Amino acid sequence: MARLRDRERGCDWDRVQTFATIAPYTIEEAYEVAEAIHNNDLNALEDELGDLQLQVVFHARMAEEVGAFDLTDVLSRISDKLERRHPHLFGDADASPGWEALKADERAAYSDQSALAGIASALPALERAVKLQKRAARTGFDWPTIEGPKAKIVEELGEIEQASPDELEEEAGDLLFAVANFVRHLKINPEEALRKANRKFERRFRTIECAPGFAEMTLDEKEELWVACKQAQSAS
């Protein structure tokens, strides 16, 4: 990586990259790792883990160039963190502090002391919503039963109906947040549930769009195909 980043002899593309320009690739590679895992494709997983590791090396090299840290520092920090979080294995055999207590101690080392500290703003919005809700719930800020989140959805739907065009985006966001909270109370991961729904929609649409004359069909005709496809796939 040092050679690729060399200002005089390096790769024209690699040497001009920054943390910000590389970040989207890092996120993309993480998703490709998850996709390989979902497909149970260990050959692809090996390849994608290498691509993700390359992102770590890339960021570490850029940090080293500005004197912040290097790859050895990164590995040392994660090693220290693992030991700190598992004192019963690496330290006092009788020590067994709760996970939240350990995380709280780690957060105490940073200036942001909020219960919500450390939840990355770059996370997918749905996943971040659930993390925010879970963290808030640990402080007691949560409905005791599912009836609260359910009523909140009805409330947010009403606010969308009354919203002006300028308010619609905000109200739609509130509705999505409320739905995520409702699903969380069902003990279901909203991100995974939506991911499965996406795959199901894609699988069904790919099937019906192959029908002869699909593009010229009316919406009602396409809906009939959709229902038939849904029934066939549900029965299989």
Protein backbone atom coordinates (compact mmCIF):
# COMPACT_ATOMS: atom_id res chain seq x y z
CA MET A 1 0.00 0.00 0.00
CA ALA A 2 2.89 2.35 0.70
CA ARG A 3 4.08 1.79 -2.86
CA LEU A 4 0.61 2.38 -4.30
CA ARG A 5 0.36 5.63 -2.32
CA ASP A 6 3.86 6.88 -3.20
CA ARG A 7 3.54 10.48 -4.37
CA GLU A 8 6.07 10.11 -7.16
CA ARG A 9 5.77 6.52 -8.35
CA GLY A 10 2.45 5.36 -6.98
CA CYS A 11 -0.84 4.56 -8.68
CA ASP A 12 -2.57 7.67 -10.01
CA TRP A 13 -5.87 6.60 -8.45
CA ASP A 14 -4.69 5.24 -5.10
CA ARG A 15 -2.42 8.13 -4.19
CA VAL A 16 -5.14 10.79 -4.48
CA GLN A 17 -7.69 8.98 -2.32
CA THR A 18 -8.73 10.26 1.11
CA PHE A 19 -10.60 8.80 4.08
CA ALA A 20 -13.80 10.36 2.73
CA THR A 21 -13.43 9.05 -0.81
CA ILE A 22 -12.57 5.54 0.35
CA ALA A 23 -15.33 5.29 2.98
CA PRO A 24 -18.10 4.36 0.49
CA TYR A 25 -15.96 1.48 -0.79
CA THR A 26 -15.42 0.29 2.77
CA ILE A 27 -19.17 0.19 3.37
CA GLU A 28 -19.75 -1.56 0.04
CA GLU A 29 -17.18 -4.24 0.83
CA ALA A 30 -18.78 -4.88 4.22
CA TYR A 31 -22.12 -5.46 2.51
CA GLU A 32 -20.51 -7.81 0.01
CA VAL A 33 -19.15 -9.82 2.94
CA ALA A 34 -22.68 -10.02 4.35
CA GLU A 35 -24.03 -11.09 0.96
CA ALA A 36 -21.48 -13.91 0.69
CA ILE A 37 -22.48 -15.08 4.17
CA HIS A 38 -26.17 -14.97 3.26
CA ASN A 39 -25.48 -17.04 0.14
CA ASN A 40 -23.39 -19.50 2.19
CA ASP A 41 -20.66 -19.01 -0.43
CA LEU A 42 -17.40 -19.58 1.43
CA ASN A 43 -15.33 -19.09 -1.73
CA ALA A 44 -16.86 -15.66 -2.21
CA LEU A 45 -16.52 -14.97 1.51
CA GLU A 46 -12.78 -15.59 1.34
CA ASP A 47 -12.52 -13.13 -1.53
CA GLU A 48 -14.74 -10.49 0.06
CA LEU A 49 -12.96 -10.67 3.42
CA GLY A 50 -9.74 -9.94 1.56
CA ASP A 51 -11.35 -6.93 -0.11
CA LEU A 52 -12.59 -5.70 3.27
CA GLN A 53 -9.15 -6.19 4.80
CA LEU A 54 -7.71 -4.10 1.97
CA GLN A 55 -9.94 -1.25 3.12
CA VAL A 56 -8.49 -1.51 6.63
CA VAL A 57 -4.96 -1.46 5.23
CA PHE A 58 -5.82 1.52 3.02
CA HIS A 59 -7.22 3.60 5.89
CA ALA A 60 -4.36 2.66 8.19
CA ARG A 61 -1.81 3.69 5.58
CA MET A 62 -3.46 7.08 5.08
CA ALA A 63 -3.47 7.60 8.84
CA GLU A 64 0.20 6.65 9.01
CA GLU A 65 1.01 9.24 6.36
CA VAL A 66 -0.33 12.02 8.58
CA GLY A 67 1.29 10.63 11.73
CA ALA A 68 -1.94 9.53 13.40
CA PHE A 69 -1.54 5.74 13.69
CA ASP A 70 -0.53 2.72 11.64
CA LEU A 71 -1.82 -0.81 11.07
CA THR A 72 0.08 -2.13 14.09
CA ASP A 73 -1.70 0.43 16.28
CA VAL A 74 -5.06 -0.68 14.89
CA LEU A 75 -4.35 -4.32 15.68
CA SER A 76 -3.01 -3.46 19.13
CA ARG A 77 -6.11 -1.47 19.95
CA ILE A 78 -8.51 -4.24 18.95
CA SER A 79 -6.40 -6.74 20.89
CA ASP A 80 -6.56 -4.54 23.98
CA LYS A 81 -10.31 -4.13 23.54
CA LEU A 82 -10.87 -7.89 23.32
CA GLU A 83 -8.85 -8.45 26.50
CA ARG A 84 -10.69 -5.66 28.29
CA ARG A 85 -14.08 -7.07 27.32
CA HIS A 86 -13.16 -10.60 28.39
CA PRO A 87 -11.46 -10.15 31.78
CA HIS A 88 -12.59 -13.64 32.83
CA LEU A 89 -10.35 -15.06 30.09
CA PHE A 90 -7.44 -12.64 30.04
CA GLY A 91 -7.40 -11.31 33.58
CA ASP A 92 -9.28 -11.89 36.82
CA ALA A 93 -11.03 -15.25 36.55
CA ASP A 94 -13.76 -14.02 38.90
CA ALA A 95 -14.42 -10.84 36.97
CA SER A 96 -17.64 -10.87 34.98
CA PRO A 97 -18.92 -7.29 34.52
CA GLY A 98 -21.97 -6.90 32.31
CA TRP A 99 -21.54 -6.01 28.65
CA GLU A 100 -23.23 -2.65 29.10
CA ALA A 101 -20.96 -1.81 32.03
CA LEU A 102 -17.92 -2.54 29.88
CA LYS A 103 -19.28 -0.44 27.03
CA ALA A 104 -20.07 2.36 29.46
CA ASP A 105 -16.48 2.31 30.69
CA GLU A 106 -15.25 2.56 27.11
CA ARG A 107 -17.61 5.45 26.38
CA ALA A 108 -16.37 7.22 29.50
CA ALA A 109 -13.01 7.62 27.79
CA TYR A 110 -14.63 9.90 25.21
CA SER A 111 -16.03 13.39 25.63
CA ASP A 112 -19.55 12.40 24.54
CA GLN A 113 -21.13 10.87 27.64
CA SER A 114 -24.60 10.34 26.16
CA ALA A 115 -26.20 6.91 26.31
CA LEU A 116 -26.38 7.25 22.51
CA ALA A 117 -22.66 7.88 22.09
CA GLY A 118 -20.81 5.67 19.66
CA ILE A 119 -23.70 4.86 17.34
CA ALA A 120 -22.20 5.62 13.95
CA SER A 121 -24.10 8.19 11.89
CA ALA A 122 -23.01 6.39 8.71
CA LEU A 123 -25.00 3.25 9.56
CA PRO A 124 -27.96 2.41 7.32
CA ALA A 125 -30.83 4.54 8.60
CA LEU A 126 -33.05 1.61 9.60
CA GLU A 127 -30.27 -0.16 11.47
CA ARG A 128 -29.27 3.07 13.22
CA ALA A 129 -32.87 3.72 14.25
CA VAL A 130 -33.01 0.38 16.03
CA LYS A 131 -29.67 0.94 17.74
CA LEU A 132 -30.84 4.35 18.98
CA GLN A 133 -34.08 2.83 20.25
CA LYS A 134 -32.34 -0.04 22.02
CA ARG A 135 -29.82 2.26 23.66
CA ALA A 136 -32.58 4.61 24.84
CA ALA A 137 -34.57 1.63 26.13
CA ARG A 138 -31.69 0.63 28.39
CA THR A 139 -32.17 3.90 30.26
CA GLY A 140 -35.87 3.13 30.76
CA PHE A 141 -37.07 5.31 27.88
CA ASP A 142 -39.30 2.78 26.14
CA TRP A 143 -42.89 1.57 26.05
CA PRO A 144 -43.53 -1.35 28.41
CA THR A 145 -45.75 -3.16 25.88
CA ILE A 146 -46.16 -3.31 22.12
CA GLU A 147 -49.37 -1.29 22.31
CA GLY A 148 -47.34 1.92 22.60
CA PRO A 149 -45.39 1.47 19.35
CA LYS A 150 -48.57 0.29 17.60
CA ALA A 151 -50.47 3.43 18.62
CA LYS A 152 -47.50 5.55 17.55
CA ILE A 153 -47.77 4.20 14.00
CA VAL A 154 -51.43 5.21 13.85
CA GLU A 155 -50.51 8.64 15.20
CA GLU A 156 -47.76 9.14 12.62
CA LEU A 157 -50.05 8.05 9.77
CA GLY A 158 -52.52 10.70 10.88
CA GLU A 159 -49.80 13.34 10.92
CA ILE A 160 -48.79 12.42 7.35
CA GLU A 161 -52.38 12.90 6.21
CA GLN A 162 -52.41 16.37 7.78
CA ALA A 163 -48.90 17.37 6.69
CA SER A 164 -48.11 20.08 4.17
CA PRO A 165 -45.83 19.24 1.22
CA ASP A 166 -42.90 20.78 3.09
CA GLU A 167 -43.60 18.61 6.14
CA LEU A 168 -44.07 15.29 4.35
CA GLU A 169 -40.45 14.17 4.41
CA GLU A 170 -40.12 14.73 8.15
CA GLU A 171 -43.41 13.00 8.89
CA ALA A 172 -42.53 10.08 6.63
CA GLY A 173 -39.28 9.71 8.56
CA ASP A 174 -41.19 9.70 11.84
CA LEU A 175 -43.46 6.96 10.49
CA LEU A 176 -40.51 4.81 9.41
CA PHE A 177 -38.91 5.30 12.84
CA ALA A 178 -42.17 4.24 14.52
CA VAL A 179 -42.48 1.13 12.32
CA ALA A 180 -38.89 0.16 13.15
CA ASN A 181 -39.70 0.51 16.85
CA PHE A 182 -42.85 -1.61 16.49
CA VAL A 183 -40.93 -4.38 14.73
CA ARG A 184 -38.20 -4.18 17.38
CA HIS A 185 -40.82 -4.81 20.05
CA LEU A 186 -41.79 -7.95 18.11
CA LYS A 187 -38.22 -9.17 18.74
CA ILE A 188 -37.57 -9.01 14.99
CA ASN A 189 -34.59 -7.31 13.37
CA PRO A 190 -36.19 -4.71 11.05
CA GLU A 191 -33.12 -4.51 8.82
CA GLU A 192 -33.09 -8.26 8.25
CA ALA A 193 -36.87 -8.39 7.81
CA LEU A 194 -36.73 -5.67 5.15
CA ARG A 195 -33.75 -7.34 3.48
CA LYS A 196 -35.77 -10.55 3.16
CA ALA A 197 -38.76 -8.60 1.83
CA ASN A 198 -36.50 -6.98 -0.77
CA ARG A 199 -35.26 -10.37 -1.92
CA LYS A 200 -38.81 -11.71 -2.09
CA PHE A 201 -39.97 -8.74 -4.17
CA GLU A 202 -36.99 -9.07 -6.49
CA ARG A 203 -37.54 -12.80 -6.94
CA ARG A 204 -41.23 -12.34 -7.78
CA PHE A 205 -40.75 -9.35 -10.06
CA ARG A 206 -37.98 -11.07 -12.01
CA THR A 207 -40.44 -13.90 -12.58
CA ILE A 208 -43.38 -11.84 -13.82
CA GLU A 209 -41.36 -9.48 -16.00
CA CYS A 210 -40.36 -12.48 -18.13
CA ALA A 211 -43.99 -12.99 -19.18
CA PRO A 212 -44.56 -12.37 -22.91
CA GLY A 213 -45.83 -8.85 -23.55
CA PHE A 214 -45.27 -7.76 -19.95
CA ALA A 215 -44.35 -4.18 -20.90
CA GLU A 216 -47.64 -3.72 -22.78
CA MET A 217 -49.86 -5.20 -20.06
CA THR A 218 -52.24 -3.07 -18.04
CA LEU A 219 -51.64 -2.63 -14.33
CA ASP A 220 -54.53 -4.99 -13.58
CA GLU A 221 -52.98 -7.68 -15.80
CA LYS A 222 -49.62 -7.26 -14.10
CA GLU A 223 -51.32 -7.49 -10.72
CA GLU A 224 -52.93 -10.78 -11.76
CA LEU A 225 -49.50 -12.11 -12.71
CA TRP A 226 -48.12 -10.93 -9.38
CA VAL A 227 -50.83 -12.68 -7.38
CA ALA A 228 -50.36 -15.89 -9.36
CA CYS A 229 -46.60 -15.74 -8.87
CA LYS A 230 -47.04 -15.09 -5.15
CA GLN A 231 -49.35 -18.08 -4.78
CA ALA A 232 -47.04 -20.35 -6.76
CA GLN A 233 -43.94 -19.36 -4.79
CA SER A 234 -45.77 -19.60 -1.46
CA ALA A 235 -46.91 -23.11 -2.33
CA SER A 236 -43.42 -24.29 -3.31
